[in-house]
Amino acid sequence: MKTRQSISRTTKLVILIAFVLFSAYNLVLTALQDFILFISGDAGALGTSFGIFTLTAVLSRFLSGWIIERIDDAVALVFGNAIVTLVLAVYPLASHILIIYAIRAVQGFGWALSTVTVLTMIVENTESTRVSEALGYLNVFGSLSLLIFPLFGSLIVAIKSLEFYTICFNLAFVTGGLCTILSIYAWRSIPPAVAHEIPVSGLPERSVLVPTFAAFLLFMTLGVLLSYSPEIATINGIDNPGFFFSIFAFAQIIGSALGGILTGNSRYGWIATMGALFVVCGTALLVFFPGLYGYIVSAFIVGLGFAAANIALNSFVSSISTNSEAKGMAMYSAGGDTAIAVGSFGTAMLLGFGWEMPIILLVFALTALVSSIYSYITISRTIPRI
């Protein structure tokens, strides 16, 4: 009887580094949106700021894939995490919204380099039959970070003053510094990737566009929820917008575990379809059942759906990226980030046209519905069940 190979030490170390990175990011996730309102007083700036961050990350992911193919993975991870860490220290010095926009752009590049490297290192250092499980662990730890830190960050800045925002950003900077130190340890302790993937020109396989487009349609909804969390919380009578993401993250832990276990060669499309339908239902609850209970149930259902769908689509990308996993992951991540940017910018634009937030949420719930239909048609019905 063949013994299944355990998940490698490198993969475990990368997941730990990712957890610390996510924690630094999530500590200021909702607090930063409050800070933007504090600086500008303009709700539209929320979407613009988040859109700039994600759009820069989109453009940087392709560059990141190219960088990773040409230097050691661990070195790229050090650079990415160092950029994210330094940016967190600069936020308290920003006195104008235009400065915030510039900082967000730099953060987008560092975030793209770090996250693409994390995904690539996990895939390349994990037995192929356990990639979905490893990605599930990554999502679980990412969700655990999301469960704790946005709520904590929002509690720190409950008193809207520059002093408390500075405390929050400095704590995130220290956390990011720990992440960078761990990355340096990984760089010095993991053998260089001598037999790295051979650099390939052009884009990844055309088939990668299928899960990427499904993610694009789905993650527009997440762009609204992320960038306008303070506004959505206010509509539902909630003081701390981090509360939504704590429940969202708890559901993601469950969804990631289920997604990692259930996703397989014959189930990519089915899990992605069901996950997107959960997102549709959860988003609709925010509109039709406003208030504390609708807020809680919505956060749970949406978190469950996003986690399951993301695991399925990400694993599908890994299974079809035969030429370059780095570029395949970069393409998929770029699709998700583009969607978040569209959701953020689109909401800012629709608010400028006088649309109300509940109507905007329903519009983006429809894009998630289209994602579920697309995943069913293009993946579920084209992969034979085994």
Protein backbone atom coordinates (compact mmCIF):
# COMPACT_ATOMS: atom_id res chain seq x y z
CA MET A 1 0.00 0.00 0.00
CA LYS A 2 1.45 3.35 -1.07
CA THR A 3 1.81 5.92 1.71
CA ARG A 4 0.57 9.37 0.80
CA GLN A 5 3.32 11.97 0.87
CA SER A 6 2.92 14.64 3.55
CA ILE A 7 2.66 18.31 2.71
CA SER A 8 6.20 19.68 2.40
CA ARG A 9 7.93 21.87 4.98
CA THR A 10 8.25 24.61 2.37
CA THR A 11 4.51 24.65 1.75
CA LYS A 12 3.80 24.81 5.48
CA LEU A 13 6.25 27.69 5.93
CA VAL A 14 4.75 29.61 3.01
CA ILE A 15 1.24 29.19 4.45
CA LEU A 16 2.49 30.57 7.79
CA ILE A 17 4.07 33.56 6.05
CA ALA A 18 0.85 34.15 4.13
CA PHE A 19 -1.12 34.11 7.39
CA VAL A 20 1.05 36.85 8.88
CA LEU A 21 0.87 38.83 5.62
CA PHE A 22 -2.93 38.57 5.55
CA SER A 23 -3.07 39.63 9.19
CA ALA A 24 -1.15 42.85 8.50
CA TYR A 25 -3.43 43.56 5.52
CA ASN A 26 -6.66 42.71 7.34
CA LEU A 27 -5.81 44.79 10.39
CA VAL A 28 -6.33 47.91 8.29
CA LEU A 29 -8.95 46.46 5.89
CA THR A 30 -11.97 48.31 7.28
CA ALA A 31 -9.98 50.82 9.34
CA LEU A 32 -8.39 52.16 6.16
CA GLN A 33 -11.80 52.69 4.57
CA ASP A 34 -12.85 54.64 7.67
CA PHE A 35 -9.59 56.61 7.45
CA ILE A 36 -10.37 57.53 3.84
CA LEU A 37 -13.75 58.89 4.91
CA PHE A 38 -11.96 60.72 7.76
CA ILE A 39 -9.53 62.35 5.31
CA SER A 40 -11.86 63.07 2.39
CA GLY A 41 -15.45 63.02 3.67
CA ASP A 42 -16.42 61.54 0.29
CA ALA A 43 -18.08 58.11 0.10
CA GLY A 44 -17.11 57.85 -3.55
CA ALA A 45 -13.45 57.89 -2.52
CA LEU A 46 -13.95 54.49 -0.91
CA GLY A 47 -14.52 52.81 -4.25
CA THR A 48 -11.87 54.86 -6.04
CA SER A 49 -9.21 54.00 -3.45
CA PHE A 50 -9.99 50.29 -3.44
CA GLY A 51 -10.25 50.29 -7.21
CA ILE A 52 -6.79 51.85 -7.59
CA PHE A 53 -5.33 49.23 -5.26
CA THR A 54 -6.87 46.29 -7.09
CA LEU A 55 -6.30 47.69 -10.59
CA THR A 56 -2.60 48.18 -9.82
CA ALA A 57 -2.51 44.63 -8.46
CA VAL A 58 -4.08 43.38 -11.70
CA LEU A 59 -1.41 45.01 -13.86
CA SER A 60 1.31 43.90 -11.45
CA ARG A 61 0.29 40.24 -11.38
CA PHE A 62 1.43 39.68 -14.95
CA LEU A 63 4.73 41.37 -14.11
CA SER A 64 4.93 39.23 -10.96
CA GLY A 65 4.57 36.02 -12.96
CA TRP A 66 7.43 37.17 -15.19
CA ILE A 67 9.60 38.07 -12.16
CA ILE A 68 8.97 34.75 -10.41
CA GLU A 69 10.06 32.81 -13.49
CA ARG A 70 13.41 34.61 -13.50
CA ILE A 71 14.44 34.84 -9.84
CA ASP A 72 14.15 32.53 -6.86
CA ASP A 73 10.62 32.37 -5.44
CA ALA A 74 11.73 33.17 -1.88
CA VAL A 75 13.55 36.31 -3.02
CA ALA A 76 10.40 37.56 -4.76
CA LEU A 77 8.46 36.86 -1.55
CA VAL A 78 10.89 38.97 0.48
CA PHE A 79 10.60 41.91 -1.92
CA GLY A 80 6.79 41.77 -2.05
CA ASN A 81 6.35 41.56 1.72
CA ALA A 82 8.88 44.35 2.34
CA ILE A 83 6.95 46.69 0.02
CA VAL A 84 3.62 45.91 1.73
CA THR A 85 5.23 46.48 5.16
CA LEU A 86 6.79 49.85 4.29
CA VAL A 87 3.54 51.11 2.79
CA LEU A 88 1.69 50.48 6.06
CA ALA A 89 4.08 52.84 7.86
CA VAL A 90 3.37 55.67 5.39
CA TYR A 91 -0.43 55.84 5.69
CA PRO A 92 -0.52 57.99 8.87
CA LEU A 93 1.58 60.62 7.05
CA ALA A 94 -1.02 61.06 4.30
CA SER A 95 -2.86 64.37 4.60
CA HIS A 96 -4.78 64.32 1.31
CA ILE A 97 -6.81 61.73 -0.55
CA LEU A 98 -4.52 61.96 -3.61
CA ILE A 99 -1.62 60.81 -1.44
CA ILE A 100 -3.74 57.87 -0.27
CA TYR A 101 -4.39 56.95 -3.91
CA ALA A 102 -0.64 56.95 -4.64
CA ILE A 103 0.11 54.80 -1.60
CA ARG A 104 -2.63 52.36 -2.57
CA ALA A 105 -1.05 51.95 -6.00
CA VAL A 106 2.33 51.02 -4.47
CA GLN A 107 0.60 48.65 -2.07
CA GLY A 108 -1.14 47.00 -5.01
CA PHE A 109 2.20 46.12 -6.62
CA GLY A 110 3.65 44.67 -3.40
CA TRP A 111 0.47 42.73 -2.69
CA ALA A 112 0.43 41.26 -6.20
CA LEU A 113 4.05 40.13 -6.03
CA SER A 114 3.57 38.55 -2.59
CA THR A 115 0.32 36.72 -3.29
CA VAL A 116 1.29 35.39 -6.72
CA THR A 117 4.55 34.12 -5.21
CA VAL A 118 2.69 32.45 -2.34
CA LEU A 119 0.34 30.62 -4.73
CA THR A 120 3.17 29.59 -7.04
CA MET A 121 5.37 28.30 -4.20
CA ILE A 122 2.51 26.25 -2.76
CA VAL A 123 1.64 24.67 -6.11
CA GLU A 124 5.26 23.95 -7.04
CA ASN A 125 6.16 22.46 -3.66
CA THR A 126 3.05 20.32 -3.12
CA GLU A 127 2.24 16.88 -4.49
CA SER A 128 -0.26 17.32 -7.33
CA THR A 129 -2.93 15.20 -5.63
CA ARG A 130 -2.78 17.46 -2.55
CA VAL A 131 -2.74 20.90 -4.19
CA SER A 132 -6.46 21.46 -3.51
CA GLU A 133 -5.92 20.47 0.14
CA ALA A 134 -2.95 22.83 0.48
CA LEU A 135 -4.92 25.69 -1.09
CA GLY A 136 -7.71 24.86 1.33
CA TYR A 137 -5.31 25.25 4.27
CA LEU A 138 -4.15 28.58 2.82
CA ASN A 139 -7.74 29.81 2.65
CA VAL A 140 -8.46 28.55 6.16
CA PHE A 141 -5.55 30.53 7.62
CA GLY A 142 -6.45 33.54 5.48
CA SER A 143 -10.01 33.31 6.78
CA LEU A 144 -8.79 32.98 10.37
CA SER A 145 -6.90 36.23 9.88
CA LEU A 146 -10.01 37.84 8.41
CA LEU A 147 -12.03 36.54 11.36
CA ILE A 148 -9.92 38.41 13.89
CA PHE A 149 -8.11 41.42 12.49
CA PRO A 150 -10.67 43.61 10.65
CA LEU A 151 -12.85 43.58 13.77
CA PHE A 152 -9.83 44.38 15.94
CA GLY A 153 -8.70 47.18 13.61
CA SER A 154 -12.16 48.75 13.61
CA LEU A 155 -12.27 48.59 17.39
CA ILE A 156 -8.96 50.48 17.59
CA VAL A 157 -10.30 53.30 15.40
CA ALA A 158 -13.74 53.41 17.04
CA ILE A 159 -12.71 56.91 18.12
CA LYS A 160 -12.20 58.65 14.79
CA SER A 161 -8.96 60.53 15.42
CA LEU A 162 -5.58 60.61 13.71
CA GLU A 163 -3.93 59.27 16.87
CA PHE A 164 -5.94 56.05 16.88
CA TYR A 165 -5.59 55.58 13.11
CA THR A 166 -1.82 55.91 13.57
CA ILE A 167 -1.84 53.25 16.29
CA CYS A 168 -3.70 50.87 13.98
CA PHE A 169 -1.34 51.46 11.05
CA ASN A 170 1.73 51.07 13.27
CA LEU A 171 0.46 47.73 14.59
CA ALA A 172 -0.04 46.60 11.01
CA PHE A 173 3.50 47.78 10.18
CA VAL A 174 4.94 45.68 13.03
CA THR A 175 2.95 42.64 11.84
CA GLY A 176 4.20 43.21 8.31
CA GLY A 177 7.74 43.46 9.64
CA LEU A 178 7.37 40.02 11.22
CA CYS A 179 6.14 38.70 7.87
CA THR A 180 9.20 40.13 6.12
CA ILE A 181 11.53 38.56 8.71
CA LEU A 182 9.88 35.17 8.18
CA SER A 183 10.28 35.64 4.42
CA ILE A 184 14.00 36.30 4.87
CA TYR A 185 14.23 33.12 6.96
CA ALA A 186 12.50 31.20 4.15
CA TRP A 187 14.89 32.69 1.62
CA ARG A 188 17.93 31.60 3.63
CA SER A 189 16.61 28.16 4.63
CA ILE A 190 14.85 26.92 1.50
CA PRO A 191 17.21 25.60 -1.20
CA PRO A 192 17.19 27.83 -4.31
CA ALA A 193 14.80 26.68 -7.02
CA VAL A 194 17.54 25.60 -9.42
CA ALA A 195 15.12 23.56 -11.51
CA HIS A 196 12.60 26.35 -11.79
CA GLU A 197 10.01 26.42 -14.51
CA ILE A 198 11.47 27.35 -17.88
CA PRO A 199 10.35 30.89 -18.71
CA VAL A 200 7.74 30.91 -21.44
CA SER A 201 6.68 33.85 -23.54
CA GLY A 202 3.19 35.16 -23.98
CA LEU A 203 0.09 34.34 -21.96
CA PRO A 204 -0.79 31.06 -20.21
CA GLU A 205 -3.02 28.43 -21.83
CA ARG A 206 -6.21 29.80 -23.34
CA SER A 207 -8.19 27.38 -21.19
CA VAL A 208 -7.16 29.38 -18.10
CA LEU A 209 -9.49 32.11 -19.34
CA VAL A 210 -12.51 29.92 -18.47
CA PRO A 211 -12.06 29.86 -14.65
CA THR A 212 -10.65 33.40 -14.80
CA PHE A 213 -13.84 34.75 -16.41
CA ALA A 214 -15.97 32.83 -13.90
CA ALA A 215 -13.97 34.45 -11.08
CA PHE A 216 -14.27 37.86 -12.75
CA LEU A 217 -18.07 37.66 -12.79
CA LEU A 218 -18.15 36.46 -9.19
CA PHE A 219 -15.64 38.76 -7.52
CA MET A 220 -17.27 42.01 -8.66
CA THR A 221 -19.67 41.47 -5.76
CA LEU A 222 -16.74 41.16 -3.37
CA GLY A 223 -15.43 44.51 -4.63
CA VAL A 224 -18.62 46.21 -3.42
CA LEU A 225 -18.57 44.43 -0.06
CA LEU A 226 -14.90 45.23 0.58
CA SER A 227 -14.76 48.84 -0.53
CA TYR A 228 -18.10 49.94 0.90
CA SER A 229 -18.13 47.99 4.15
CA PRO A 230 -18.66 51.15 6.28
CA GLU A 231 -21.65 52.21 4.16
CA ILE A 232 -23.21 48.73 4.18
CA ALA A 233 -22.75 48.49 7.95
CA THR A 234 -24.46 51.85 8.43
CA ILE A 235 -27.45 50.77 6.34
CA ASN A 236 -27.87 47.74 8.59
CA GLY A 237 -27.42 49.71 11.82
CA ILE A 238 -24.00 48.19 12.62
CA ASP A 239 -21.31 50.32 14.26
CA ASN A 240 -18.29 48.11 13.47
CA PRO A 241 -17.94 47.12 9.77
CA GLY A 242 -15.31 44.56 10.75
CA PHE A 243 -18.14 42.50 12.26
CA PHE A 244 -19.29 41.48 8.76
CA PHE A 245 -15.85 40.15 7.86
CA SER A 246 -15.49 38.23 11.12
CA ILE A 247 -18.62 36.25 10.27
CA PHE A 248 -17.60 36.13 6.61
CA ALA A 249 -14.22 34.69 7.63
CA PHE A 250 -15.75 32.08 9.95
CA ALA A 251 -17.85 30.86 7.03
CA GLN A 252 -14.77 30.93 4.78
CA ILE A 253 -12.97 28.55 7.13
CA ILE A 254 -15.82 26.08 6.73
CA GLY A 255 -16.13 26.73 3.00
CA SER A 256 -12.40 26.36 2.42
CA ALA A 257 -12.28 23.05 4.28
CA LEU A 258 -15.27 21.72 2.35
CA GLY A 259 -13.93 23.08 -0.92
CA GLY A 260 -10.52 21.48 -0.38
CA ILE A 261 -12.09 18.11 0.43
CA LEU A 262 -14.87 18.04 -2.17
CA THR A 263 -13.08 19.60 -5.12
CA GLY A 264 -11.70 17.06 -7.60
CA ASN A 265 -11.35 16.46 -11.31
CA SER A 266 -15.08 15.91 -11.72
CA ARG A 267 -16.27 18.57 -9.30
CA TYR A 268 -14.54 21.84 -10.20
CA GLY A 269 -17.56 23.25 -11.99
CA TRP A 270 -20.15 21.95 -9.56
CA ILE A 271 -18.47 23.47 -6.51
CA ALA A 272 -17.88 26.76 -8.35
CA THR A 273 -21.54 26.85 -9.44
CA MET A 274 -22.91 26.20 -5.96
CA GLY A 275 -20.49 28.69 -4.39
CA ALA A 276 -21.60 31.46 -6.74
CA LEU A 277 -25.28 30.72 -6.00
CA PHE A 278 -24.54 31.10 -2.29
CA VAL A 279 -23.03 34.52 -3.01
CA VAL A 280 -26.18 35.52 -4.92
CA CYS A 281 -28.44 34.51 -2.03
CA GLY A 282 -26.27 36.13 0.63
CA THR A 283 -26.04 39.43 -1.23
CA ALA A 284 -29.81 39.49 -1.80
CA LEU A 285 -30.34 39.06 1.95
CA LEU A 286 -28.55 42.37 2.58
CA VAL A 287 -31.18 44.06 0.41
CA PHE A 288 -34.39 42.29 1.39
CA PHE A 289 -33.67 41.64 5.08
CA PRO A 290 -31.73 44.67 6.39
CA GLY A 291 -30.80 44.71 10.04
CA LEU A 292 -28.62 42.69 12.40
CA TYR A 293 -29.95 39.21 11.61
CA GLY A 294 -29.93 39.67 7.85
CA TYR A 295 -26.41 41.12 8.14
CA ILE A 296 -25.16 38.07 10.07
CA VAL A 297 -26.79 35.46 7.84
CA SER A 298 -25.67 37.29 4.70
CA ALA A 299 -22.05 37.44 5.85
CA PHE A 300 -22.07 33.71 6.60
CA ILE A 301 -23.66 32.62 3.31
CA VAL A 302 -21.49 34.95 1.19
CA GLY A 303 -18.31 33.80 2.96
CA LEU A 304 -19.19 30.14 2.45
CA GLY A 305 -19.89 30.71 -1.23
CA PHE A 306 -16.76 32.71 -2.03
CA ALA A 307 -14.49 30.21 -0.28
CA ALA A 308 -15.89 27.14 -2.01
CA ALA A 309 -15.97 28.75 -5.46
CA ASN A 310 -12.46 30.17 -5.15
CA ILE A 311 -10.95 26.84 -4.08
CA ALA A 312 -12.64 25.06 -7.00
CA LEU A 313 -11.66 27.62 -9.63
CA ASN A 314 -8.10 28.00 -8.30
CA SER A 315 -7.60 24.24 -8.29
CA PHE A 316 -8.94 24.03 -11.83
CA VAL A 317 -6.37 26.62 -12.93
CA SER A 318 -3.62 24.51 -11.37
CA SER A 319 -4.81 21.38 -13.17
CA ILE A 320 -4.80 22.98 -16.63
CA SER A 321 -1.66 25.16 -16.34
CA THR A 322 0.77 22.74 -17.97
CA ASN A 323 3.12 25.36 -19.47
CA SER A 324 3.54 27.84 -16.64
CA GLU A 325 1.82 27.61 -13.27
CA ALA A 326 3.16 31.05 -12.35
CA LYS A 327 1.44 32.67 -15.32
CA GLY A 328 -1.69 30.60 -14.82
CA MET A 329 -1.97 31.77 -11.22
CA ALA A 330 -1.16 35.33 -12.28
CA MET A 331 -3.91 35.27 -14.90
CA TYR A 332 -6.50 33.92 -12.45
CA SER A 333 -5.51 36.36 -9.69
CA ALA A 334 -5.62 39.22 -12.19
CA GLY A 335 -9.16 38.26 -13.13
CA GLY A 336 -10.26 38.33 -9.49
CA ASP A 337 -8.55 41.66 -8.82
CA THR A 338 -9.98 43.20 -11.99
CA ALA A 339 -13.43 42.20 -10.82
CA ILE A 340 -12.89 43.78 -7.40
CA ALA A 341 -11.70 46.95 -9.13
CA VAL A 342 -14.77 46.97 -11.38
CA GLY A 343 -17.03 46.47 -8.37
CA SER A 344 -15.30 49.29 -6.48
CA PHE A 345 -15.13 51.79 -9.34
CA GLY A 346 -18.59 50.78 -10.59
CA THR A 347 -20.19 51.38 -7.21
CA ALA A 348 -18.52 54.80 -6.92
CA MET A 349 -19.82 55.70 -10.37
CA LEU A 350 -23.36 54.47 -9.69
CA LEU A 351 -23.47 56.35 -6.40
CA GLY A 352 -22.42 59.44 -8.35
CA PHE A 353 -25.40 58.86 -10.64
CA GLY A 354 -27.68 58.85 -7.61
CA TRP A 355 -28.23 55.10 -7.28
CA GLU A 356 -28.93 53.67 -3.83
CA MET A 357 -26.69 51.02 -2.28
CA PRO A 358 -29.39 48.29 -2.12
CA ILE A 359 -29.98 48.57 -5.89
CA ILE A 360 -26.24 48.46 -6.53
CA LEU A 361 -25.94 45.30 -4.43
CA LEU A 362 -28.66 43.64 -6.50
CA VAL A 363 -26.89 44.60 -9.74
CA PHE A 364 -23.71 42.87 -8.62
CA ALA A 365 -25.65 39.90 -7.25
CA LEU A 366 -26.76 39.37 -10.85
CA THR A 367 -23.12 39.15 -11.99
CA ALA A 368 -22.57 36.38 -9.42
CA LEU A 369 -25.64 34.61 -10.82
CA VAL A 370 -24.16 34.80 -14.31
CA SER A 371 -20.92 33.36 -12.89
CA SER A 372 -22.77 30.33 -11.52
CA ILE A 373 -24.46 29.71 -14.88
CA TYR A 374 -21.16 30.13 -16.74
CA SER A 375 -19.32 27.72 -14.41
CA TYR A 376 -22.06 25.14 -14.85
CA ILE A 377 -22.02 25.35 -18.64
CA THR A 378 -18.29 25.65 -19.29
CA ILE A 379 -16.82 23.48 -16.53
CA SER A 380 -19.44 21.15 -15.01
CA ARG A 381 -20.82 19.98 -18.34
CA THR A 382 -17.45 19.63 -20.07
CA ILE A 383 -15.57 17.56 -17.47
CA PRO A 384 -16.82 13.95 -17.25
CA ARG A 385 -17.59 12.65 -13.79
CA ILE A 386 -15.24 9.89 -12.66
